[in-house]
C-alpha atoms as a PDB file:
ATOM      1  CA  MET A   1       0.000   0.000   0.000  1.00  0.00           C
ATOM      2  CA  ASN A   2       1.428   3.288  -1.068  1.00  0.00           C
ATOM      3  CA  THR A   3       0.925   5.969   1.572  1.00  0.00           C
ATOM      4  CA  LEU A   4       2.425   9.277   0.751  1.00  0.00           C
ATOM      5  CA  PRO A   5       2.394  11.982   3.388  1.00  0.00           C
ATOM      6  CA  LYS A   6      -0.395  14.380   2.726  1.00  0.00           C
ATOM      7  CA  ALA A   7       0.726  17.911   2.232  1.00  0.00           C
ATOM      8  CA  ARG A   8      -0.931  20.173   4.710  1.00  0.00           C
ATOM      9  CA  ILE A   9      -1.850  23.492   3.303  1.00  0.00           C
ATOM     10  CA  ALA A  10      -2.377  26.054   5.982  1.00  0.00           C
ATOM     11  CA  LYS A  11      -5.429  27.989   4.955  1.00  0.00           C
ATOM     12  CA  ARG A  12      -6.900  30.605   7.142  1.00  0.00           C
ATOM     13  CA  LYS A  13     -10.637  30.177   7.271  1.00  0.00           C
ATOM     14  CA  TYR A  14     -12.606  33.370   6.983  1.00  0.00           C
ATOM     15  CA  LYS A  15     -14.961  33.813   9.887  1.00  0.00           C
ATOM     16  CA  SER A  16     -18.093  35.814   9.472  1.00  0.00           C
ATOM     17  CA  PRO A  17     -18.583  38.743  11.880  1.00  0.00           C
ATOM     18  CA  ALA A  18     -19.433  37.755  15.449  1.00  0.00           C
ATOM     19  CA  TRP A  19     -22.809  39.511  15.326  1.00  0.00           C
ATOM     20  CA  THR A  20     -23.955  36.956  12.718  1.00  0.00           C
ATOM     21  CA  ARG A  21     -22.704  33.956  14.718  1.00  0.00           C
ATOM     22  CA  LYS A  22     -23.473  32.457  18.124  1.00  0.00           C
ATOM     23  CA  ALA A  23     -20.293  34.031  19.509  1.00  0.00           C
ATOM     24  CA  GLY A  24     -21.831  37.498  19.255  1.00  0.00           C
ATOM     25  CA  GLN A  25     -25.360  36.624  20.281  1.00  0.00           C
ATOM     26  CA  ASN A  26     -26.651  36.719  23.818  1.00  0.00           C
ATOM     27  CA  PRO A  27     -28.482  33.454  24.616  1.00  0.00           C
ATOM     28  CA  LYS A  28     -31.155  35.517  26.373  1.00  0.00           C
ATOM     29  CA  GLY A  29     -31.771  37.651  23.286  1.00  0.00           C
ATOM     30  CA  GLY A  30     -30.051  40.393  21.331  1.00  0.00           C
ATOM     31  CA  LEU A  31     -26.317  40.845  20.913  1.00  0.00           C
ATOM     32  CA  ASN A  32     -23.606  40.701  23.541  1.00  0.00           C
ATOM     33  CA  ALA A  33     -20.747  43.201  23.778  1.00  0.00           C
ATOM     34  CA  LYS A  34     -18.639  41.185  21.322  1.00  0.00           C
ATOM     35  CA  GLY A  35     -21.492  41.160  18.816  1.00  0.00           C
ATOM     36  CA  ARG A  36     -22.061  44.905  19.112  1.00  0.00           C
ATOM     37  CA  ALA A  37     -18.316  45.530  18.660  1.00  0.00           C
ATOM     38  CA  SER A  38     -18.128  43.350  15.539  1.00  0.00           C
ATOM     39  CA  TYR A  39     -21.231  45.055  14.106  1.00  0.00           C
ATOM     40  CA  LYS A  40     -19.567  48.433  14.602  1.00  0.00           C
ATOM     41  CA  LYS A  41     -16.374  47.200  12.925  1.00  0.00           C
ATOM     42  CA  ALA A  42     -18.238  45.696   9.964  1.00  0.00           C
ATOM     43  CA  THR A  43     -20.774  48.458   9.310  1.00  0.00           C
ATOM     44  CA  GLY A  44     -19.634  51.519  11.229  1.00  0.00           C
ATOM     45  CA  GLY A  45     -22.961  51.627  13.091  1.00  0.00           C
ATOM     46  CA  THR A  46     -23.138  51.946  16.848  1.00  0.00           C
ATOM     47  CA  LEU A  47     -25.549  49.673  18.710  1.00  0.00           C
ATOM     48  CA  LYS A  48     -26.388  50.311  22.330  1.00  0.00           C
ATOM     49  CA  ALA A  49     -27.305  47.691  24.924  1.00  0.00           C
ATOM     50  CA  PRO A  50     -31.028  47.018  25.541  1.00  0.00           C
ATOM     51  CA  VAL A  51     -33.012  49.287  27.862  1.00  0.00           C
ATOM     52  CA  LYS A  52     -34.850  46.838  30.094  1.00  0.00           C
ATOM     53  CA  SER A  53     -37.134  49.137  32.064  1.00  0.00           C
ATOM     54  CA  GLY A  54     -38.433  52.672  32.384  1.00  0.00           C
ATOM     55  CA  ASP A  55     -39.902  55.094  29.884  1.00  0.00           C
ATOM     56  CA  ASN A  56     -37.273  55.544  27.236  1.00  0.00           C
ATOM     57  CA  PRO A  57     -37.928  56.655  23.633  1.00  0.00           C
ATOM     58  CA  ARG A  58     -35.451  54.045  22.336  1.00  0.00           C
ATOM     59  CA  ARG A  59     -37.277  51.312  24.215  1.00  0.00           C
ATOM     60  CA  ALA A  60     -40.703  52.471  22.996  1.00  0.00           C
ATOM     61  CA  SER A  61     -39.471  52.556  19.400  1.00  0.00           C
ATOM     62  CA  PHE A  62     -37.879  49.112  19.612  1.00  0.00           C
ATOM     63  CA  LEU A  63     -40.936  47.498  21.208  1.00  0.00           C
ATOM     64  CA  ALA A  64     -43.281  49.058  18.624  1.00  0.00           C
ATOM     65  CA  ARG A  65     -41.060  47.951  15.733  1.00  0.00           C
ATOM     66  CA  MET A  66     -40.398  44.412  16.973  1.00  0.00           C
ATOM     67  CA  GLY A  67     -43.962  43.908  18.207  1.00  0.00           C
ATOM     68  CA  ASN A  68     -45.117  44.245  14.597  1.00  0.00           C
ATOM     69  CA  MET A  69     -42.488  41.959  13.070  1.00  0.00           C
ATOM     70  CA  PRO A  70     -43.795  38.992  11.070  1.00  0.00           C
ATOM     71  CA  GLY A  71     -42.958  35.477  12.169  1.00  0.00           C
ATOM     72  CA  PRO A  72     -43.711  33.197  15.077  1.00  0.00           C
ATOM     73  CA  GLU A  73     -42.688  33.709  18.680  1.00  0.00           C
ATOM     74  CA  ARG A  74     -41.844  30.013  19.036  1.00  0.00           C
ATOM     75  CA  ASP A  75     -40.392  27.496  16.587  1.00  0.00           C
ATOM     76  CA  SER A  76     -41.891  24.113  15.657  1.00  0.00           C
ATOM     77  CA  LYS A  77     -40.327  22.500  18.743  1.00  0.00           C
ATOM     78  CA  GLY A  78     -41.790  25.116  21.093  1.00  0.00           C
ATOM     79  CA  ARG A  79     -38.512  26.940  21.712  1.00  0.00           C
ATOM     80  CA  PRO A  80     -38.581  30.757  21.729  1.00  0.00           C
ATOM     81  CA  THR A  81     -37.306  32.381  18.530  1.00  0.00           C
ATOM     82  CA  ARG A  82     -34.667  35.136  18.482  1.00  0.00           C
ATOM     83  CA  LEU A  83     -37.564  37.588  18.092  1.00  0.00           C
ATOM     84  CA  LEU A  84     -39.178  36.551  21.370  1.00  0.00           C
ATOM     85  CA  LEU A  85     -35.816  36.411  23.146  1.00  0.00           C
ATOM     86  CA  SER A  86     -34.988  39.966  22.071  1.00  0.00           C
ATOM     87  CA  LEU A  87     -38.435  41.187  23.172  1.00  0.00           C
ATOM     88  CA  LYS A  88     -37.855  39.600  26.581  1.00  0.00           C
ATOM     89  CA  ALA A  89     -34.435  41.290  26.782  1.00  0.00           C
ATOM     90  CA  TRP A  90     -36.240  44.618  26.327  1.00  0.00           C
ATOM     91  CA  GLY A  91     -38.872  43.794  28.973  1.00  0.00           C
ATOM     92  CA  ALA A  92     -41.820  42.460  26.941  1.00  0.00           C
ATOM     93  CA  SER A  93     -43.235  38.957  27.280  1.00  0.00           C
ATOM     94  CA  SER A  94     -44.816  38.693  23.801  1.00  0.00           C
ATOM     95  CA  LYS A  95     -45.408  40.648  20.593  1.00  0.00           C
ATOM     96  CA  ALA A  96     -48.842  41.772  21.843  1.00  0.00           C
ATOM     97  CA  ASP A  97     -47.309  42.873  25.151  1.00  0.00           C
ATOM     98  CA  ALA A  98     -44.588  44.785  23.253  1.00  0.00           C
ATOM     99  CA  ARG A  99     -47.175  46.668  21.162  1.00  0.00           C
ATOM    100  CA  SER A 100     -49.193  47.507  24.276  1.00  0.00           C
ATOM    101  CA  LYS A 101     -46.165  48.702  26.253  1.00  0.00           C
ATOM    102  CA  ALA A 102     -44.916  50.777  23.322  1.00  0.00           C
ATOM    103  CA  LYS A 103     -48.292  52.483  22.879  1.00  0.00           C
ATOM    104  CA  ASN A 104     -48.649  53.315  26.579  1.00  0.00           C
ATOM    105  CA  MET A 105     -45.031  54.390  26.883  1.00  0.00           C
ATOM    106  CA  SER A 106     -45.319  56.697  23.868  1.00  0.00           C
ATOM    107  CA  LYS A 107     -48.396  58.357  25.407  1.00  0.00           C
ATOM    108  CA  ARG A 108     -46.548  58.951  28.680  1.00  0.00           C
ATOM    109  CA  LEU A 109     -43.473  60.308  26.899  1.00  0.00           C
ATOM    110  CA  LYS A 110     -45.567  62.706  24.797  1.00  0.00           C
ATOM    111  CA  ALA A 111     -47.433  63.918  27.888  1.00  0.00           C
ATOM    112  CA  LYS A 112     -44.140  64.411  29.700  1.00  0.00           C
ATOM    113  CA  LYS A 113     -42.727  66.367  26.748  1.00  0.00           C
ATOM    114  CA  LYS A 114     -45.777  68.666  26.667  1.00  0.00           C
ATOM    115  CA  ARG A 115     -45.352  69.501  30.375  1.00  0.00           C
ATOM    116  CA  LYS A 116     -41.823  70.807  29.819  1.00  0.00           C
END
Protein backbone atom coordinates (compact mmCIF):
# COMPACT_ATOMS: atom_id res chain seq x y z
CA MET A 1 0.00 0.00 0.00
CA ASN A 2 1.43 3.29 -1.07
CA THR A 3 0.93 5.97 1.57
CA LEU A 4 2.43 9.28 0.75
CA PRO A 5 2.39 11.98 3.39
CA LYS A 6 -0.40 14.38 2.73
CA ALA A 7 0.73 17.91 2.23
CA ARG A 8 -0.93 20.17 4.71
CA ILE A 9 -1.85 23.49 3.30
CA ALA A 10 -2.38 26.05 5.98
CA LYS A 11 -5.43 27.99 4.96
CA ARG A 12 -6.90 30.61 7.14
CA LYS A 13 -10.64 30.18 7.27
CA TYR A 14 -12.61 33.37 6.98
CA LYS A 15 -14.96 33.81 9.89
CA SER A 16 -18.09 35.81 9.47
CA PRO A 17 -18.58 38.74 11.88
CA ALA A 18 -19.43 37.76 15.45
CA TRP A 19 -22.81 39.51 15.33
CA THR A 20 -23.95 36.96 12.72
CA ARG A 21 -22.70 33.96 14.72
CA LYS A 22 -23.47 32.46 18.12
CA ALA A 23 -20.29 34.03 19.51
CA GLY A 24 -21.83 37.50 19.25
CA GLN A 25 -25.36 36.62 20.28
CA ASN A 26 -26.65 36.72 23.82
CA PRO A 27 -28.48 33.45 24.62
CA LYS A 28 -31.16 35.52 26.37
CA GLY A 29 -31.77 37.65 23.29
CA GLY A 30 -30.05 40.39 21.33
CA LEU A 31 -26.32 40.84 20.91
CA ASN A 32 -23.61 40.70 23.54
CA ALA A 33 -20.75 43.20 23.78
CA LYS A 34 -18.64 41.18 21.32
CA GLY A 35 -21.49 41.16 18.82
CA ARG A 36 -22.06 44.90 19.11
CA ALA A 37 -18.32 45.53 18.66
CA SER A 38 -18.13 43.35 15.54
CA TYR A 39 -21.23 45.05 14.11
CA LYS A 40 -19.57 48.43 14.60
CA LYS A 41 -16.37 47.20 12.93
CA ALA A 42 -18.24 45.70 9.96
CA THR A 43 -20.77 48.46 9.31
CA GLY A 44 -19.63 51.52 11.23
CA GLY A 45 -22.96 51.63 13.09
CA THR A 46 -23.14 51.95 16.85
CA LEU A 47 -25.55 49.67 18.71
CA LYS A 48 -26.39 50.31 22.33
CA ALA A 49 -27.30 47.69 24.92
CA PRO A 50 -31.03 47.02 25.54
CA VAL A 51 -33.01 49.29 27.86
CA LYS A 52 -34.85 46.84 30.09
CA SER A 53 -37.13 49.14 32.06
CA GLY A 54 -38.43 52.67 32.38
CA ASP A 55 -39.90 55.09 29.88
CA ASN A 56 -37.27 55.54 27.24
CA PRO A 57 -37.93 56.65 23.63
CA ARG A 58 -35.45 54.05 22.34
CA ARG A 59 -37.28 51.31 24.21
CA ALA A 60 -40.70 52.47 23.00
CA SER A 61 -39.47 52.56 19.40
CA PHE A 62 -37.88 49.11 19.61
CA LEU A 63 -40.94 47.50 21.21
CA ALA A 64 -43.28 49.06 18.62
CA ARG A 65 -41.06 47.95 15.73
CA MET A 66 -40.40 44.41 16.97
CA GLY A 67 -43.96 43.91 18.21
CA ASN A 68 -45.12 44.25 14.60
CA MET A 69 -42.49 41.96 13.07
CA PRO A 70 -43.80 38.99 11.07
CA GLY A 71 -42.96 35.48 12.17
CA PRO A 72 -43.71 33.20 15.08
CA GLU A 73 -42.69 33.71 18.68
CA ARG A 74 -41.84 30.01 19.04
CA ASP A 75 -40.39 27.50 16.59
CA SER A 76 -41.89 24.11 15.66
CA LYS A 77 -40.33 22.50 18.74
CA GLY A 78 -41.79 25.12 21.09
CA ARG A 79 -38.51 26.94 21.71
CA PRO A 80 -38.58 30.76 21.73
CA THR A 81 -37.31 32.38 18.53
CA ARG A 82 -34.67 35.14 18.48
CA LEU A 83 -37.56 37.59 18.09
CA LEU A 84 -39.18 36.55 21.37
CA LEU A 85 -35.82 36.41 23.15
CA SER A 86 -34.99 39.97 22.07
CA LEU A 87 -38.43 41.19 23.17
CA LYS A 88 -37.85 39.60 26.58
CA ALA A 89 -34.44 41.29 26.78
CA TRP A 90 -36.24 44.62 26.33
CA GLY A 91 -38.87 43.79 28.97
CA ALA A 92 -41.82 42.46 26.94
CA SER A 93 -43.24 38.96 27.28
CA SER A 94 -44.82 38.69 23.80
CA LYS A 95 -45.41 40.65 20.59
CA ALA A 96 -48.84 41.77 21.84
CA ASP A 97 -47.31 42.87 25.15
CA ALA A 98 -44.59 44.79 23.25
CA ARG A 99 -47.17 46.67 21.16
CA SER A 100 -49.19 47.51 24.28
CA LYS A 101 -46.16 48.70 26.25
CA ALA A 102 -44.92 50.78 23.32
CA LYS A 103 -48.29 52.48 22.88
CA ASN A 104 -48.65 53.31 26.58
CA MET A 105 -45.03 54.39 26.88
CA SER A 106 -45.32 56.70 23.87
CA LYS A 107 -48.40 58.36 25.41
CA ARG A 108 -46.55 58.95 28.68
CA LEU A 109 -43.47 60.31 26.90
CA LYS A 110 -45.57 62.71 24.80
CA ALA A 111 -47.43 63.92 27.89
CA LYS A 112 -44.14 64.41 29.70
CA LYS A 113 -42.73 66.37 26.75
CA LYS A 114 -45.78 68.67 26.67
CA ARG A 115 -45.35 69.50 30.37
CA LYS A 116 -41.82 70.81 29.82
